[in-house]
Structure formats: C-alpha cells, structure tokens
Amino acid sequence: MSDRSASRTRRKPAIAIELVETSARWRERLPRRRALCVAAAEAAFATAKPKLTRRTEVSVVLADDALLRRLNRQWRRIDAATNVLSFPSLDLELPPKAPFLLGDVVVAYETVSREAQEQGKDLADHLRHLVVHGILHLLGYDHDEPDEAEQMEALETQVLARLGVADPYAERAAVGDD
C-alpha cells in the first residue's frame, strides 16, 4: 500500500472502555455486566458519531448508592443517591500520542435495581440504558431544556434499539398521546 492510500484509509481512533467495580452486588446479579457495559458504550459512540481524533478512554464505575450519594452531595449539592452520574474529564493539553480521557460514568446498584423492578424492566436493560445516558452526557448531550431532552432521548432510543432494548420513553409518550 502506498503512503497516499494509507493516509486515505486511516482507522477511526480506538475507544477503550474500562469497567471498575466498587459493589459486589453487580457481580452477583449480572454475570455479563462487563459485556453489557462495553456494548452499551460502544453503541452510544457508534450512534452519536463524535469526532474523535485520538484514542479515547472512558470508565464505567459500577458502584452502590452510598458512593453515588457522596458524589451527588459533593458535586451537585444534592444529598441523595441517584441512578447515574457522569464526570467529564478536564480539558487538558495532552501530549501528542496520549489518549483522550473522556470521563467517568458512575452507576448505583440499589437505585438502578429498584427502578428496574418498579418499572418492570430487566436489570441488564436498565443498566445498558444508564450507561448510554451517561456516555451521551460525556459527549455533550444534556436534558435541562425540553428541546435538548427530546434530542437526547431520541438518541438514547436509537442506541438502545441497536442493542435490542425497548424504548424506555415509550410509556411516557403513550400517556402523552391521550
């Protein structure tokens, strides 16, 4: 292959997903948790199509309510657990070959498990949804304003469809149609 053809067929930058577990409850309930999280993160990247110029790393932390409560209190001034938090990395000047550290997605077992049960969802599907949700936040999507929420939820629905997960917003949409 010539130098010219090699430059035209450059590979997309690799995406590395690191799984960190701080709660054994995830391991007990979801033996395939790593594969679920990696597939969800990869599908989010593939659907959102961010413009990545270098190797990108993201971590998914499978934690418990106690950790999410501390993080929520420290960073959002909300003294309660939540299902997922996203922490984008700081914009730092990186050496030329260093990977881009996108950030962390932290998911709370007890809250996610309770929500899945209350909503009649499979725990694995709810975990995948929250990983997708967290990755999209790291990529700059938000849901503070109605138009932002609509765009982010539509993208989440597309990603989840790729994974064979039902639309988590379908019930709300059906209620709104009455």
Protein backbone atom coordinates (compact mmCIF):
# COMPACT_ATOMS: atom_id res chain seq x y z
CA MET A 1 0.00 0.00 0.00
CA SER A 2 1.37 3.40 -0.90
CA ASP A 3 1.71 6.24 1.60
CA ARG A 4 -1.05 8.09 -0.21
CA SER A 5 -3.56 5.19 0.06
CA ALA A 6 -2.62 4.60 3.69
CA SER A 7 -3.48 8.19 4.58
CA ARG A 8 -6.88 7.87 2.88
CA THR A 9 -7.78 4.70 4.79
CA ARG A 10 -6.89 5.83 8.28
CA ARG A 11 -8.57 3.90 11.02
CA LYS A 12 -11.01 5.53 13.37
CA PRO A 13 -9.46 6.20 16.76
CA ALA A 14 -9.93 3.34 19.19
CA ILE A 15 -12.27 3.65 22.13
CA ALA A 16 -11.26 1.92 25.36
CA ILE A 17 -13.91 1.24 27.98
CA GLU A 18 -12.65 0.40 31.45
CA LEU A 19 -15.01 -1.24 33.92
CA VAL A 20 -14.43 -0.52 37.61
CA GLU A 21 -16.50 -2.32 40.22
CA THR A 22 -16.90 -0.98 43.73
CA SER A 23 -20.01 -3.03 44.56
CA ALA A 24 -20.13 -6.84 44.54
CA ARG A 25 -23.91 -6.69 44.12
CA TRP A 26 -23.49 -6.05 40.38
CA ARG A 27 -21.34 -9.17 40.08
CA GLU A 28 -23.91 -11.25 41.97
CA ARG A 29 -26.86 -10.16 39.82
CA LEU A 30 -25.26 -9.66 36.39
CA PRO A 31 -22.52 -12.10 35.48
CA ARG A 32 -22.26 -10.49 31.99
CA ARG A 33 -22.05 -6.92 33.30
CA ARG A 34 -18.76 -6.14 31.55
CA ALA A 35 -20.05 -7.19 28.14
CA LEU A 36 -23.31 -5.27 28.73
CA CYS A 37 -21.48 -2.05 29.66
CA VAL A 38 -18.95 -2.26 26.84
CA ALA A 39 -21.66 -2.98 24.24
CA ALA A 40 -23.78 -0.08 25.53
CA ALA A 41 -20.84 2.35 25.48
CA GLU A 42 -19.71 1.24 22.01
CA ALA A 43 -23.26 1.55 20.65
CA ALA A 44 -23.53 5.07 22.11
CA PHE A 45 -20.31 6.10 20.37
CA ALA A 46 -21.34 4.43 17.10
CA THR A 47 -24.73 6.14 17.06
CA ALA A 48 -23.66 9.59 18.30
CA LYS A 49 -20.65 9.58 15.93
CA PRO A 50 -18.46 12.02 17.86
CA LYS A 51 -15.46 13.45 16.02
CA LEU A 52 -12.64 11.67 17.77
CA THR A 53 -9.09 12.48 16.71
CA ARG A 54 -7.20 10.16 19.04
CA ARG A 55 -7.64 7.08 21.17
CA THR A 56 -10.41 7.80 23.68
CA GLU A 57 -10.84 6.24 27.10
CA VAL A 58 -13.91 6.18 29.31
CA SER A 59 -14.55 4.36 32.56
CA VAL A 60 -17.81 2.88 33.77
CA VAL A 61 -17.95 2.50 37.54
CA LEU A 62 -20.45 0.01 38.93
CA ALA A 63 -20.98 1.36 42.42
CA ASP A 64 -23.59 1.50 45.16
CA ASP A 65 -25.98 4.12 46.48
CA ALA A 66 -23.57 5.22 49.21
CA LEU A 67 -20.94 6.30 46.68
CA LEU A 68 -23.46 7.99 44.38
CA ARG A 69 -24.92 9.86 47.34
CA ARG A 70 -21.46 11.15 48.34
CA LEU A 71 -20.66 12.16 44.77
CA ASN A 72 -24.06 13.78 44.29
CA ARG A 73 -23.65 15.73 47.54
CA GLN A 74 -20.11 16.81 46.70
CA TRP A 75 -20.62 17.80 43.06
CA ARG A 76 -24.30 18.70 42.77
CA ARG A 77 -25.17 19.71 46.34
CA ILE A 78 -27.93 17.08 46.38
CA ASP A 79 -27.84 14.84 49.46
CA ALA A 80 -29.39 11.75 47.88
CA ALA A 81 -28.38 8.79 45.79
CA THR A 82 -29.20 8.84 42.09
CA ASN A 83 -29.05 6.19 39.38
CA VAL A 84 -26.15 7.56 37.27
CA LEU A 85 -23.68 10.43 37.30
CA SER A 86 -21.28 11.45 34.55
CA PHE A 87 -18.00 13.20 35.18
CA PRO A 88 -16.29 14.63 32.11
CA SER A 89 -12.54 14.91 32.30
CA LEU A 90 -10.99 18.32 32.38
CA ASP A 91 -9.86 19.87 29.11
CA LEU A 92 -6.14 19.40 29.44
CA GLU A 93 -3.36 19.94 26.95
CA LEU A 94 -2.32 16.38 26.16
CA PRO A 95 0.93 15.12 24.71
CA PRO A 96 0.52 14.21 21.01
CA LYS A 97 0.20 10.44 21.48
CA ALA A 98 -1.64 10.40 24.79
CA PRO A 99 -5.20 9.08 24.78
CA PHE A 100 -8.09 11.46 25.35
CA LEU A 101 -9.68 10.71 28.72
CA LEU A 102 -13.37 11.39 28.10
CA GLY A 103 -14.57 10.82 31.67
CA ASP A 104 -16.39 8.52 34.04
CA VAL A 105 -19.92 7.14 34.21
CA VAL A 106 -20.87 6.00 37.73
CA VAL A 107 -23.95 3.79 38.25
CA ALA A 108 -25.61 2.94 41.61
CA TYR A 109 -26.74 -0.64 42.11
CA GLU A 110 -29.54 -0.20 44.64
CA THR A 111 -31.24 2.68 42.82
CA VAL A 112 -30.94 1.04 39.40
CA SER A 113 -32.18 -2.30 40.74
CA ARG A 114 -35.15 -0.66 42.49
CA GLU A 115 -36.06 1.40 39.40
CA ALA A 116 -35.89 -1.66 37.15
CA GLN A 117 -38.20 -3.58 39.48
CA GLU A 118 -40.66 -0.68 39.88
CA GLN A 119 -40.74 -0.05 36.11
CA GLY A 120 -40.96 -3.74 35.16
CA LYS A 121 -37.64 -3.60 33.29
CA ASP A 122 -34.87 -6.13 33.06
CA LEU A 123 -31.92 -5.04 35.24
CA ALA A 124 -29.47 -5.60 32.36
CA ASP A 125 -31.55 -3.42 30.03
CA HIS A 126 -31.83 -0.64 32.61
CA LEU A 127 -28.06 -0.77 33.20
CA ARG A 128 -27.43 -0.51 29.45
CA HIS A 129 -29.78 2.46 29.23
CA LEU A 130 -27.99 4.30 32.03
CA VAL A 131 -24.55 3.60 30.58
CA VAL A 132 -25.77 5.01 27.24
CA HIS A 133 -27.28 8.00 29.06
CA GLY A 134 -24.01 8.65 30.90
CA ILE A 135 -21.86 8.32 27.76
CA LEU A 136 -24.10 10.78 25.91
CA HIS A 137 -23.63 13.27 28.75
CA LEU A 138 -19.86 12.86 28.38
CA LEU A 139 -20.26 13.57 24.66
CA GLY A 140 -22.01 16.85 25.43
CA TYR A 141 -25.69 15.93 25.32
CA ASP A 142 -27.99 17.19 28.06
CA HIS A 143 -31.65 17.27 29.05
CA ASP A 144 -32.03 20.51 31.01
CA GLU A 145 -34.17 22.16 28.32
CA PRO A 146 -37.14 20.44 26.59
CA ASP A 147 -35.54 20.52 23.11
CA GLU A 148 -32.26 19.13 24.50
CA ALA A 149 -34.17 16.39 26.35
CA GLU A 150 -36.07 15.45 23.19
CA GLN A 151 -32.84 15.18 21.19
CA MET A 152 -31.01 13.19 23.88
CA GLU A 153 -33.95 10.82 24.46
CA ALA A 154 -34.31 10.20 20.72
CA LEU A 155 -30.61 9.35 20.50
CA GLU A 156 -30.86 7.07 23.56
CA THR A 157 -33.79 5.28 21.94
CA GLN A 158 -31.78 4.76 18.73
CA VAL A 159 -28.79 3.39 20.64
CA LEU A 160 -30.94 1.06 22.72
CA ALA A 161 -32.73 -0.22 19.61
CA ARG A 162 -29.29 -1.24 18.25
CA LEU A 163 -28.88 -3.25 21.44
CA GLY A 164 -32.36 -4.81 21.28
CA VAL A 165 -33.58 -2.83 24.31
CA ALA A 166 -37.11 -1.44 24.33
CA ASP A 167 -37.67 2.31 24.19
CA PRO A 168 -37.53 3.47 27.83
CA TYR A 169 -39.64 6.53 26.95
CA ALA A 170 -42.42 4.72 25.05
CA GLU A 171 -44.79 4.53 28.03
CA ARG A 172 -44.44 8.25 28.72
CA ALA A 173 -45.06 9.04 25.04
CA ALA A 174 -48.17 6.83 25.02
CA VAL A 175 -49.55 8.59 28.09
CA GLY A 176 -48.91 11.97 26.46
CA ASP A 177 -50.92 10.91 23.38
CA ASP A 178 -54.19 10.57 25.33
